Amino acid sequence: MGWDLIRLVHLAGDRRDHFAARTDPWDMLELIVEGRKRREIDPTLEMLDACVAEAEGDKATPAYARERLKTMQGFLVQLDGWHRQMRDVPRPTLIKLIALGGRIAKLIGR
């Protein structure tokens, strides 16, 4: 996959390949999220940008289709922005935030 979850380890005197997996689940989560974002979200957002631009220039595209494309584009832009913000949150703070779970909704006045 190329996500650096497992690395090749050579043991002195042993010609076989050995592998070591990351042991910190938070490191693994960060690598998986970054990999999936690069593989799935980024190309989708690029495609939506192109589709929105093309739909805006094409008067034959129905207004509801243009609106749905813009809505999906806005959603992914917002998701991408949230991801960038969460990447910069210190891990101890992120752990506390996740531990709050649904209680965070009450805190912000759901």
PDB file of N, CA and C in Angstrom:
ATOM      1  N   MET A   1       0.812  -1.198   0.000  1.00  0.00           N
ATOM      2  CA  MET A   1       0.000   0.000   0.000  1.00  0.00           C
ATOM      3  C   MET A   1       0.854   1.261   0.000  1.00  0.00           C
ATOM      4  N   GLY A   2       2.053   1.155   0.492  1.00  0.00           N
ATOM      5  CA  GLY A   2       2.914   2.327   0.536  1.00  0.00           C
ATOM      6  C   GLY A   2       2.571   3.286   1.654  1.00  0.00           C
ATOM      7  N   TRP A   3       1.912   2.813   2.706  1.00  0.00           N
ATOM      8  CA  TRP A   3       1.515   3.698   3.794  1.00  0.00           C
ATOM      9  C   TRP A   3       2.482   3.646   4.967  1.00  0.00           C
ATOM     10  N   ASP A   4       3.537   2.853   4.839  1.00  0.00           N
ATOM     11  CA  ASP A   4       4.570   2.770   5.869  1.00  0.00           C
ATOM     12  C   ASP A   4       4.039   2.216   7.190  1.00  0.00           C
ATOM     13  N   LEU A   5       3.067   1.315   7.119  1.00  0.00           N
ATOM     14  CA  LEU A   5       2.548   0.685   8.334  1.00  0.00           C
ATOM     15  C   LEU A   5       3.458  -0.450   8.799  1.00  0.00           C
ATOM     16  N   ILE A   6       4.130  -1.076   7.837  1.00  0.00           N
ATOM     17  CA  ILE A   6       5.025  -2.190   8.126  1.00  0.00           C
ATOM     18  C   ILE A   6       6.366  -1.883   7.471  1.00  0.00           C
ATOM     19  N   ARG A   7       7.437  -2.187   8.187  1.00  0.00           N
ATOM     20  CA  ARG A   7       8.763  -1.930   7.626  1.00  0.00           C
ATOM     21  C   ARG A   7       9.581  -3.212   7.632  1.00  0.00           C
ATOM     22  N   LEU A   8      10.506  -3.272   6.707  1.00  0.00           N
ATOM     23  CA  LEU A   8      11.411  -4.397   6.575  1.00  0.00           C
ATOM     24  C   LEU A   8      12.512  -4.262   7.616  1.00  0.00           C
ATOM     25  N   VAL A   9      12.807  -5.362   8.324  1.00  0.00           N
ATOM     26  CA  VAL A   9      13.843  -5.367   9.355  1.00  0.00           C
ATOM     27  C   VAL A   9      14.815  -6.490   9.050  1.00  0.00           C
ATOM     28  N   HIS A  10      16.098  -6.184   9.088  1.00  0.00           N
ATOM     29  CA  HIS A  10      17.124  -7.210   8.894  1.00  0.00           C
ATOM     30  C   HIS A  10      17.731  -7.538  10.245  1.00  0.00           C
ATOM     31  N   LEU A  11      17.812  -8.823  10.524  1.00  0.00           N
ATOM     32  CA  LEU A  11      18.425  -9.276  11.764  1.00  0.00           C
ATOM     33  C   LEU A  11      19.837  -9.744  11.461  1.00  0.00           C
ATOM     34  N   ALA A  12      20.775  -9.368  12.294  1.00  0.00           N
ATOM     35  CA  ALA A  12      22.172  -9.754  12.091  1.00  0.00           C
ATOM     36  C   ALA A  12      22.290 -11.270  12.032  1.00  0.00           C
ATOM     37  N   GLY A  13      22.957 -11.767  10.995  1.00  0.00           N
ATOM     38  CA  GLY A  13      23.178 -13.197  10.843  1.00  0.00           C
ATOM     39  C   GLY A  13      22.004 -13.951  10.230  1.00  0.00           C
ATOM     40  N   ASP A  14      20.929 -13.286   9.906  1.00  0.00           N
ATOM     41  CA  ASP A  14      19.750 -13.934   9.331  1.00  0.00           C
ATOM     42  C   ASP A  14      19.509 -13.345   7.948  1.00  0.00           C
ATOM     43  N   ARG A  15      19.441 -14.195   6.939  1.00  0.00           N
ATOM     44  CA  ARG A  15      19.286 -13.719   5.561  1.00  0.00           C
ATOM     45  C   ARG A  15      17.823 -13.510   5.182  1.00  0.00           C
ATOM     46  N   ARG A  16      16.930 -14.004   6.017  1.00  0.00           N
ATOM     47  CA  ARG A  16      15.512 -13.867   5.704  1.00  0.00           C
ATOM     48  C   ARG A  16      15.046 -12.432   5.974  1.00  0.00           C
ATOM     49  N   ASP A  17      13.969 -12.088   5.310  1.00  0.00           N
ATOM     50  CA  ASP A  17      13.344 -10.786   5.575  1.00  0.00           C
ATOM     51  C   ASP A  17      12.407 -10.921   6.769  1.00  0.00           C
ATOM     52  N   HIS A  18      12.469  -9.950   7.645  1.00  0.00           N
ATOM     53  CA  HIS A  18      11.569  -9.882   8.779  1.00  0.00           C
ATOM     54  C   HIS A  18      10.829  -8.554   8.682  1.00  0.00           C
ATOM     55  N   PHE A  19       9.648  -8.527   9.227  1.00  0.00           N
ATOM     56  CA  PHE A  19       8.836  -7.328   9.138  1.00  0.00           C
ATOM     57  C   PHE A  19       8.396  -6.903  10.533  1.00  0.00           C
ATOM     58  N   ALA A  20       8.325  -5.601  10.721  1.00  0.00           N
ATOM     59  CA  ALA A  20       7.860  -5.049  11.992  1.00  0.00           C
ATOM     60  C   ALA A  20       6.733  -4.068  11.695  1.00  0.00           C
ATOM     61  N   ALA A  21       5.656  -4.235  12.433  1.00  0.00           N
ATOM     62  CA  ALA A  21       4.508  -3.335  12.281  1.00  0.00           C
ATOM     63  C   ALA A  21       4.601  -2.217  13.310  1.00  0.00           C
ATOM     64  N   ARG A  22       4.008  -1.112  12.975  1.00  0.00           N
ATOM     65  CA  ARG A  22       3.923  -0.030  13.956  1.00  0.00           C
ATOM     66  C   ARG A  22       3.107  -0.529  15.145  1.00  0.00           C
ATOM     67  N   THR A  23       3.449  -0.046  16.312  1.00  0.00           N
ATOM     68  CA  THR A  23       2.751  -0.517  17.507  1.00  0.00           C
ATOM     69  C   THR A  23       1.807   0.540  18.081  1.00  0.00           C
ATOM     70  N   ASP A  24       2.000   1.789  17.737  1.00  0.00           N
ATOM     71  CA  ASP A  24       1.154   2.858  18.266  1.00  0.00           C
ATOM     72  C   ASP A  24      -0.092   2.995  17.392  1.00  0.00           C
ATOM     73  N   PRO A  25      -1.276   2.701  17.938  1.00  0.00           N
ATOM     74  CA  PRO A  25      -2.490   2.778  17.119  1.00  0.00           C
ATOM     75  C   PRO A  25      -2.766   4.184  16.592  1.00  0.00           C
ATOM     76  N   TRP A  26      -2.348   5.220  17.310  1.00  0.00           N
ATOM     77  CA  TRP A  26      -2.557   6.589  16.835  1.00  0.00           C
ATOM     78  C   TRP A  26      -1.698   6.869  15.608  1.00  0.00           C
ATOM     79  N   ASP A  27      -0.447   6.374  15.609  1.00  0.00           N
ATOM     80  CA  ASP A  27       0.407   6.519  14.424  1.00  0.00           C
ATOM     81  C   ASP A  27      -0.219   5.804  13.241  1.00  0.00           C
ATOM     82  N   MET A  28      -0.732   4.597  13.493  1.00  0.00           N
ATOM     83  CA  MET A  28      -1.358   3.834  12.415  1.00  0.00           C
ATOM     84  C   MET A  28      -2.583   4.562  11.882  1.00  0.00           C
ATOM     85  N   LEU A  29      -3.402   5.093  12.787  1.00  0.00           N
ATOM     86  CA  LEU A  29      -4.595   5.824  12.365  1.00  0.00           C
ATOM     87  C   LEU A  29      -4.216   7.027  11.497  1.00  0.00           C
ATOM     88  N   GLU A  30      -3.228   7.787  11.928  1.00  0.00           N
ATOM     89  CA  GLU A  30      -2.800   8.961  11.158  1.00  0.00           C
ATOM     90  C   GLU A  30      -2.330   8.569   9.763  1.00  0.00           C
ATOM     91  N   LEU A  31      -1.539   7.506   9.666  1.00  0.00           N
ATOM     92  CA  LEU A  31      -1.053   7.061   8.359  1.00  0.00           C
ATOM     93  C   LEU A  31      -2.190   6.585   7.465  1.00  0.00           C
ATOM     94  N   ILE A  32      -3.138   5.858   8.041  1.00  0.00           N
ATOM     95  CA  ILE A  32      -4.264   5.353   7.253  1.00  0.00           C
ATOM     96  C   ILE A  32      -5.149   6.501   6.776  1.00  0.00           C
ATOM     97  N   VAL A  33      -5.431   7.449   7.661  1.00  0.00           N
ATOM     98  CA  VAL A  33      -6.271   8.589   7.283  1.00  0.00           C
ATOM     99  C   VAL A  33      -5.592   9.401   6.181  1.00  0.00           C
ATOM    100  N   GLU A  34      -4.303   9.663   6.332  1.00  0.00           N
ATOM    101  CA  GLU A  34      -3.575  10.421   5.302  1.00  0.00           C
ATOM    102  C   GLU A  34      -3.578   9.671   3.972  1.00  0.00           C
ATOM    103  N   GLY A  35      -3.356   8.359   4.022  1.00  0.00           N
ATOM    104  CA  GLY A  35      -3.335   7.559   2.797  1.00  0.00           C
ATOM    105  C   GLY A  35      -4.686   7.537   2.106  1.00  0.00           C
ATOM    106  N   ARG A  36      -5.740   7.376   2.874  1.00  0.00           N
ATOM    107  CA  ARG A  36      -7.079   7.339   2.280  1.00  0.00           C
ATOM    108  C   ARG A  36      -7.465   8.703   1.717  1.00  0.00           C
ATOM    109  N   LYS A  37      -7.071   9.749   2.419  1.00  0.00           N
ATOM    110  CA  LYS A  37      -7.364  11.093   1.919  1.00  0.00           C
ATOM    111  C   LYS A  37      -6.676  11.309   0.572  1.00  0.00           C
ATOM    112  N   ARG A  38      -5.392  10.954   0.507  1.00  0.00           N
ATOM    113  CA  ARG A  38      -4.644  11.116  -0.751  1.00  0.00           C
ATOM    114  C   ARG A  38      -5.244  10.276  -1.865  1.00  0.00           C
ATOM    115  N   ARG A  39      -5.673   9.062  -1.534  1.00  0.00           N
ATOM    116  CA  ARG A  39      -6.157   8.135  -2.554  1.00  0.00           C
ATOM    117  C   ARG A  39      -7.612   8.380  -2.944  1.00  0.00           C
ATOM    118  N   GLU A  40      -8.440   8.851  -2.008  1.00  0.00           N
ATOM    119  CA  GLU A  40      -9.869   8.931  -2.279  1.00  0.00           C
ATOM    120  C   GLU A  40     -10.421  10.352  -2.292  1.00  0.00           C
ATOM    121  N   ILE A  41     -10.133  11.123  -1.269  1.00  0.00           N
ATOM    122  CA  ILE A  41     -10.740  12.453  -1.156  1.00  0.00           C
ATOM    123  C   ILE A  41     -10.120  13.437  -2.152  1.00  0.00           C
ATOM    124  N   ASP A  42      -8.788  13.506  -2.184  1.00  0.00           N
ATOM    125  CA  ASP A  42      -8.129  14.483  -3.063  1.00  0.00           C
ATOM    126  C   ASP A  42      -8.515  14.327  -4.537  1.00  0.00           C
ATOM    127  N   PRO A  43      -8.453  13.113  -5.102  1.00  0.00           N
ATOM    128  CA  PRO A  43      -8.867  12.979  -6.512  1.00  0.00           C
ATOM    129  C   PRO A  43     -10.349  13.287  -6.733  1.00  0.00           C
ATOM    130  N   THR A  44     -11.184  12.931  -5.766  1.00  0.00           N
ATOM    131  CA  THR A  44     -12.614  13.213  -5.895  1.00  0.00           C
ATOM    132  C   THR A  44     -12.859  14.715  -5.901  1.00  0.00           C
ATOM    133  N   LEU A  45     -12.157  15.432  -5.029  1.00  0.00           N
ATOM    134  CA  LEU A  45     -12.303  16.883  -4.977  1.00  0.00           C
ATOM    135  C   LEU A  45     -11.808  17.530  -6.274  1.00  0.00           C
ATOM    136  N   GLU A  46     -10.715  17.042  -6.810  1.00  0.00           N
ATOM    137  CA  GLU A  46     -10.222  17.564  -8.093  1.00  0.00           C
ATOM    138  C   GLU A  46     -11.250  17.333  -9.205  1.00  0.00           C
ATOM    139  N   MET A  47     -11.830  16.139  -9.219  1.00  0.00           N
ATOM    140  CA  MET A  47     -12.829  15.816 -10.241  1.00  0.00           C
ATOM    141  C   MET A  47     -14.071  16.690 -10.074  1.00  0.00           C
ATOM    142  N   LEU A  48     -14.501  16.883  -8.832  1.00  0.00           N
ATOM    143  CA  LEU A  48     -15.669  17.737  -8.599  1.00  0.00           C
ATOM    144  C   LEU A  48     -15.397  19.175  -9.023  1.00  0.00           C
ATOM    145  N   ASP A  49     -14.193  19.672  -8.750  1.00  0.00           N
ATOM    146  CA  ASP A  49     -13.836  21.024  -9.198  1.00  0.00           C
ATOM    147  C   ASP A  49     -13.974  21.138 -10.714  1.00  0.00           C
ATOM    148  N   ALA A  50     -13.469  20.132 -11.417  1.00  0.00           N
ATOM    149  CA  ALA A  50     -13.564  20.140 -12.886  1.00  0.00           C
ATOM    150  C   ALA A  50     -15.019  20.039 -13.346  1.00  0.00           C
ATOM    151  N   CYS A  51     -15.790  19.191 -12.678  1.00  0.00           N
ATOM    152  CA  CYS A  51     -17.198  19.021 -13.062  1.00  0.00           C
ATOM    153  C   CYS A  51     -17.999  20.297 -12.812  1.00  0.00           C
ATOM    154  N   VAL A  52     -17.754  20.945 -11.679  1.00  0.00           N
ATOM    155  CA  VAL A  52     -18.463  22.190 -11.372  1.00  0.00           C
ATOM    156  C   VAL A  52     -18.107  23.251 -12.406  1.00  0.00           C
ATOM    157  N   ALA A  53     -16.834  23.358 -12.737  1.00  0.00           N
ATOM    158  CA  ALA A  53     -16.405  24.351 -13.732  1.00  0.00           C
ATOM    159  C   ALA A  53     -17.045  24.066 -15.089  1.00  0.00           C
ATOM    160  N   GLU A  54     -17.079  22.805 -15.475  1.00  0.00           N
ATOM    161  CA  GLU A  54     -17.674  22.451 -16.764  1.00  0.00           C
ATOM    162  C   GLU A  54     -19.180  22.700 -16.759  1.00  0.00           C
ATOM    163  N   ALA A  55     -19.833  22.343 -15.660  1.00  0.00           N
ATOM    164  CA  ALA A  55     -21.288  22.536 -15.563  1.00  0.00           C
ATOM    165  C   ALA A  55     -21.648  24.011 -15.590  1.00  0.00           C
ATOM    166  N   GLU A  56     -20.821  24.842 -14.969  1.00  0.00           N
ATOM    167  CA  GLU A  56     -21.080  26.290 -14.968  1.00  0.00           C
ATOM    168  C   GLU A  56     -21.018  26.862 -16.380  1.00  0.00           C
ATOM    169  N   GLY A  57     -20.153  26.299 -17.201  1.00  0.00           N
ATOM    170  CA  GLY A  57     -20.011  26.798 -18.569  1.00  0.00           C
ATOM    171  C   GLY A  57     -20.952  26.154 -19.566  1.00  0.00           C
ATOM    172  N   ASP A  58     -21.696  25.160 -19.137  1.00  0.00           N
ATOM    173  CA  ASP A  58     -22.584  24.425 -20.029  1.00  0.00           C
ATOM    174  C   ASP A  58     -24.034  24.735 -19.670  1.00  0.00           C
ATOM    175  N   LYS A  59     -24.677  25.511 -20.497  1.00  0.00           N
ATOM    176  CA  LYS A  59     -26.070  25.908 -20.224  1.00  0.00           C
ATOM    177  C   LYS A  59     -27.045  24.745 -20.366  1.00  0.00           C
ATOM    178  N   ALA A  60     -26.602  23.644 -20.988  1.00  0.00           N
ATOM    179  CA  ALA A  60     -27.472  22.476 -21.131  1.00  0.00           C
ATOM    180  C   ALA A  60     -27.534  21.669 -19.827  1.00  0.00           C
ATOM    181  N   THR A  61     -26.608  21.929 -18.910  1.00  0.00           N
ATOM    182  CA  THR A  61     -26.623  21.229 -17.618  1.00  0.00           C
ATOM    183  C   THR A  61     -27.760  21.791 -16.777  1.00  0.00           C
ATOM    184  N   PRO A  62     -28.653  20.929 -16.313  1.00  0.00           N
ATOM    185  CA  PRO A  62     -29.789  21.412 -15.514  1.00  0.00           C
ATOM    186  C   PRO A  62     -29.307  22.087 -14.220  1.00  0.00           C
ATOM    187  N   ALA A  63     -30.080  23.072 -13.796  1.00  0.00           N
ATOM    188  CA  ALA A  63     -29.719  23.832 -12.589  1.00  0.00           C
ATOM    189  C   ALA A  63     -29.614  22.912 -11.368  1.00  0.00           C
ATOM    190  N   TYR A  64     -30.502  21.923 -11.263  1.00  0.00           N
ATOM    191  CA  TYR A  64     -30.446  21.033 -10.097  1.00  0.00           C
ATOM    192  C   TYR A  64     -29.144  20.221 -10.092  1.00  0.00           C
ATOM    193  N   ALA A  65     -28.638  19.850 -11.266  1.00  0.00           N
ATOM    194  CA  ALA A  65     -27.381  19.094 -11.352  1.00  0.00           C
ATOM    195  C   ALA A  65     -26.201  19.978 -10.934  1.00  0.00           C
ATOM    196  N   ARG A  66     -26.215  21.226 -11.399  1.00  0.00           N
ATOM    197  CA  ARG A  66     -25.149  22.161 -10.991  1.00  0.00           C
ATOM    198  C   ARG A  66     -25.172  22.368  -9.486  1.00  0.00           C
ATOM    199  N   GLU A  67     -26.365  22.498  -8.931  1.00  0.00           N
ATOM    200  CA  GLU A  67     -26.495  22.721  -7.489  1.00  0.00           C
ATOM    201  C   GLU A  67     -26.012  21.510  -6.691  1.00  0.00           C
ATOM    202  N   ARG A  68     -26.348  20.320  -7.153  1.00  0.00           N
ATOM    203  CA  ARG A  68     -25.889  19.109  -6.446  1.00  0.00           C
ATOM    204  C   ARG A  68     -24.379  18.981  -6.508  1.00  0.00           C
ATOM    205  N   LEU A  69     -23.795  19.305  -7.651  1.00  0.00           N
ATOM    206  CA  LEU A  69     -22.333  19.257  -7.771  1.00  0.00           C
ATOM    207  C   LEU A  69     -21.680  20.255  -6.818  1.00  0.00           C
ATOM    208  N   LYS A  70     -22.244  21.467  -6.749  1.00  0.00           N
ATOM    209  CA  LYS A  70     -21.693  22.489  -5.854  1.00  0.00           C
ATOM    210  C   LYS A  70     -21.836  22.087  -4.392  1.00  0.00           C
ATOM    211  N   THR A  71     -22.958  21.463  -4.061  1.00  0.00           N
ATOM    212  CA  THR A  71     -23.178  21.012  -2.687  1.00  0.00           C
ATOM    213  C   THR A  71     -22.148  19.954  -2.301  1.00  0.00           C
ATOM    214  N   MET A  72     -21.921  18.986  -3.176  1.00  0.00           N
ATOM    215  CA  MET A  72     -20.935  17.941  -2.896  1.00  0.00           C
ATOM    216  C   MET A  72     -19.531  18.531  -2.821  1.00  0.00           C
ATOM    217  N   GLN A  73     -19.236  19.458  -3.716  1.00  0.00           N
ATOM    218  CA  GLN A  73     -17.935  20.128  -3.692  1.00  0.00           C
ATOM    219  C   GLN A  73     -17.748  20.873  -2.363  1.00  0.00           C
ATOM    220  N   GLY A  74     -18.761  21.600  -1.932  1.00  0.00           N
ATOM    221  CA  GLY A  74     -18.687  22.335  -0.673  1.00  0.00           C
ATOM    222  C   GLY A  74     -18.482  21.410   0.511  1.00  0.00           C
ATOM    223  N   PHE A  75     -19.171  20.266   0.490  1.00  0.00           N
ATOM    224  CA  PHE A  75     -19.019  19.283   1.556  1.00  0.00           C
ATOM    225  C   PHE A  75     -17.580  18.778   1.633  1.00  0.00           C
ATOM    226  N   LEU A  76     -17.006  18.420   0.486  1.00  0.00           N
ATOM    227  CA  LEU A  76     -15.638  17.899   0.484  1.00  0.00           C
ATOM    228  C   LEU A  76     -14.611  18.972   0.830  1.00  0.00           C
ATOM    229  N   VAL A  77     -14.855  20.200   0.427  1.00  0.00           N
ATOM    230  CA  VAL A  77     -13.964  21.298   0.815  1.00  0.00           C
ATOM    231  C   VAL A  77     -13.999  21.473   2.327  1.00  0.00           C
ATOM    232  N   GLN A  78     -15.190  21.416   2.895  1.00  0.00           N
ATOM    233  CA  GLN A  78     -15.329  21.539   4.346  1.00  0.00           C
ATOM    234  C   GLN A  78     -14.659  20.366   5.068  1.00  0.00           C
ATOM    235  N   LEU A  79     -14.845  19.156   4.561  1.00  0.00           N
ATOM    236  CA  LEU A  79     -14.211  17.974   5.137  1.00  0.00           C
ATOM    237  C   LEU A  79     -12.692  18.087   5.060  1.00  0.00           C
ATOM    238  N   ASP A  80     -12.179  18.557   3.945  1.00  0.00           N
ATOM    239  CA  ASP A  80     -10.737  18.729   3.769  1.00  0.00           C
ATOM    240  C   ASP A  80     -10.191  19.764   4.761  1.00  0.00           C
ATOM    241  N   GLY A  81     -10.915  20.842   4.946  1.00  0.00           N
ATOM    242  CA  GLY A  81     -10.507  21.865   5.904  1.00  0.00           C
ATOM    243  C   GLY A  81     -10.508  21.332   7.329  1.00  0.00           C
ATOM    244  N   TRP A  82     -11.533  20.554   7.667  1.00  0.00           N
ATOM    245  CA  TRP A  82     -11.597  19.957   9.003  1.00  0.00           C
ATOM    246  C   TRP A  82     -10.420  19.016   9.217  1.00  0.00           C
ATOM    247  N   HIS A  83     -10.109  18.236   8.204  1.00  0.00           N
ATOM    248  CA  HIS A  83      -8.978  17.307   8.297  1.00  0.00           C
ATOM    249  C   HIS A  83      -7.677  18.066   8.557  1.00  0.00           C
ATOM    250  N   ARG A  84      -7.460  19.158   7.833  1.00  0.00           N
ATOM    251  CA  ARG A  84      -6.239  19.960   8.036  1.00  0.00           C
ATOM    252  C   ARG A  84      -6.179  20.509   9.461  1.00  0.00           C
ATOM    253  N   GLN A  85      -7.321  20.950   9.977  1.00  0.00           N
ATOM    254  CA  GLN A  85      -7.354  21.469  11.348  1.00  0.00           C
ATOM    255  C   GLN A  85      -7.048  20.369  12.361  1.00  0.00           C
ATOM    256  N   MET A  86      -7.651  19.206  12.187  1.00  0.00           N
ATOM    257  CA  MET A  86      -7.460  18.112  13.142  1.00  0.00           C
ATOM    258  C   MET A  86      -6.031  17.570  13.119  1.00  0.00           C
ATOM    259  N   ARG A  87      -5.381  17.670  11.964  1.00  0.00           N
ATOM    260  CA  ARG A  87      -3.981  17.228  11.861  1.00  0.00           C
ATOM    261  C   ARG A  87      -3.072  18.031  12.775  1.00  0.00           C
ATOM    262  N   ASP A  88      -3.434  19.284  13.019  1.00  0.00           N
ATOM    263  CA  ASP A  88      -2.611  20.175  13.827  1.00  0.00           C
ATOM    264  C   ASP A  88      -2.963  20.152  15.313  1.00  0.00           C
ATOM    265  N   VAL A  89      -4.013  19.434  15.681  1.00  0.00           N
ATOM    266  CA  VAL A  89      -4.397  19.344  17.091  1.00  0.00           C
ATOM    267  C   VAL A  89      -3.406  18.407  17.787  1.00  0.00           C
ATOM    268  N   PRO A  90      -2.839  18.836  18.907  1.00  0.00           N
ATOM    269  CA  PRO A  90      -1.909  17.949  19.626  1.00  0.00           C
ATOM    270  C   PRO A  90      -2.607  16.648  20.022  1.00  0.00           C
ATOM    271  N   ARG A  91      -1.876  15.556  19.977  1.00  0.00           N
ATOM    272  CA  ARG A  91      -2.461  14.246  20.230  1.00  0.00           C
ATOM    273  C   ARG A  91      -3.189  14.158  21.577  1.00  0.00           C
ATOM    274  N   PRO A  92      -2.626  14.650  22.684  1.00  0.00           N
ATOM    275  CA  PRO A  92      -3.372  14.555  23.952  1.00  0.00           C
ATOM    276  C   PRO A  92      -4.726  15.270  23.893  1.00  0.00           C
ATOM    277  N   THR A  93      -4.768  16.398  23.210  1.00  0.00           N
ATOM    278  CA  THR A  93      -6.021  17.130  23.056  1.00  0.00           C
ATOM    279  C   THR A  93      -6.989  16.344  22.175  1.00  0.00           C
ATOM    280  N   LEU A  94      -6.480  15.748  21.118  1.00  0.00           N
ATOM    281  CA  LEU A  94      -7.312  14.946  20.224  1.00  0.00           C
ATOM    282  C   LEU A  94      -7.896  13.740  20.958  1.00  0.00           C
ATOM    283  N   ILE A  95      -7.101  13.114  21.801  1.00  0.00           N
ATOM    284  CA  ILE A  95      -7.587  11.963  22.573  1.00  0.00           C
ATOM    285  C   ILE A  95      -8.717  12.391  23.504  1.00  0.00           C
ATOM    286  N   LYS A  96      -8.558  13.543  24.157  1.00  0.00           N
ATOM    287  CA  LYS A  96      -9.619  14.052  25.034  1.00  0.00           C
ATOM    288  C   LYS A  96     -10.868  14.391  24.231  1.00  0.00           C
ATOM    289  N   LEU A  97     -10.684  14.983  23.059  1.00  0.00           N
ATOM    290  CA  LEU A  97     -11.806  15.348  22.203  1.00  0.00           C
ATOM    291  C   LEU A  97     -12.585  14.108  21.778  1.00  0.00           C
ATOM    292  N   ILE A  98     -11.882  13.073  21.398  1.00  0.00           N
ATOM    293  CA  ILE A  98     -12.545  11.835  20.982  1.00  0.00           C
ATOM    294  C   ILE A  98     -13.237  11.178  22.171  1.00  0.00           C
ATOM    295  N   ALA A  99     -12.607  11.252  23.340  1.00  0.00           N
ATOM    296  CA  ALA A  99     -13.209  10.661  24.546  1.00  0.00           C
ATOM    297  C   ALA A  99     -14.525  11.347  24.910  1.00  0.00           C
ATOM    298  N   LEU A 100     -14.661  12.611  24.552  1.00  0.00           N
ATOM    299  CA  LEU A 100     -15.911  13.320  24.831  1.00  0.00           C
ATOM    300  C   LEU A 100     -17.080  12.737  24.043  1.00  0.00           C
ATOM    301  N   GLY A 101     -16.794  12.225  22.866  1.00  0.00           N
ATOM    302  CA  GLY A 101     -17.819  11.592  22.048  1.00  0.00           C
ATOM    303  C   GLY A 101     -19.005  12.511  21.803  1.00  0.00           C
ATOM    304  N   GLY A 102     -20.200  11.978  21.973  1.00  0.00           N
ATOM    305  CA  GLY A 102     -21.433  12.720  21.733  1.00  0.00           C
ATOM    306  C   GLY A 102     -21.669  13.846  22.720  1.00  0.00           C
ATOM    307  N   ARG A 103     -20.965  13.805  23.851  1.00  0.00           N
ATOM    308  CA  ARG A 103     -21.140  14.870  24.841  1.00  0.00           C
ATOM    309  C   ARG A 103     -20.682  16.223  24.296  1.00  0.00           C
ATOM    310  N   ILE A 104     -19.821  16.200  23.286  1.00  0.00           N
ATOM    311  CA  ILE A 104     -19.352  17.459  22.694  1.00  0.00           C
ATOM    312  C   ILE A 104     -20.517  18.203  22.053  1.00  0.00           C
ATOM    313  N   ALA A 105     -21.497  17.482  21.531  1.00  0.00           N
ATOM    314  CA  ALA A 105     -22.668  18.109  20.912  1.00  0.00           C
ATOM    315  C   ALA A 105     -23.459  18.904  21.961  1.00  0.00           C
ATOM    316  N   LYS A 106     -23.573  18.342  23.164  1.00  0.00           N
ATOM    317  CA  LYS A 106     -24.266  19.065  24.241  1.00  0.00           C
ATOM    318  C   LYS A 106     -23.487  20.311  24.640  1.00  0.00           C
ATOM    319  N   LEU A 107     -22.173  20.203  24.627  1.00  0.00           N
ATOM    320  CA  LEU A 107     -21.323  21.312  25.000  1.00  0.00           C
ATOM    321  C   LEU A 107     -21.481  22.507  24.053  1.00  0.00           C
ATOM    322  N   ILE A 108     -21.649  22.217  22.767  1.00  0.00           N
ATOM    323  CA  ILE A 108     -21.782  23.307  21.794  1.00  0.00           C
ATOM    324  C   ILE A 108     -23.234  23.687  21.539  1.00  0.00           C
ATOM    325  N   GLY A 109     -24.152  23.072  22.289  1.00  0.00           N
ATOM    326  CA  GLY A 109     -25.547  23.474  22.191  1.00  0.00           C
ATOM    327  C   GLY A 109     -26.312  22.858  21.070  1.00  0.00           C
ATOM    328  N   ARG A 110     -26.255  21.577  20.960  1.00  0.00           N
ATOM    329  CA  ARG A 110     -26.956  20.845  19.906  1.00  0.00           C
ATOM    330  C   ARG A 110     -28.388  21.126  19.917  1.00  0.00           C
TER     331      ARG A 110
END
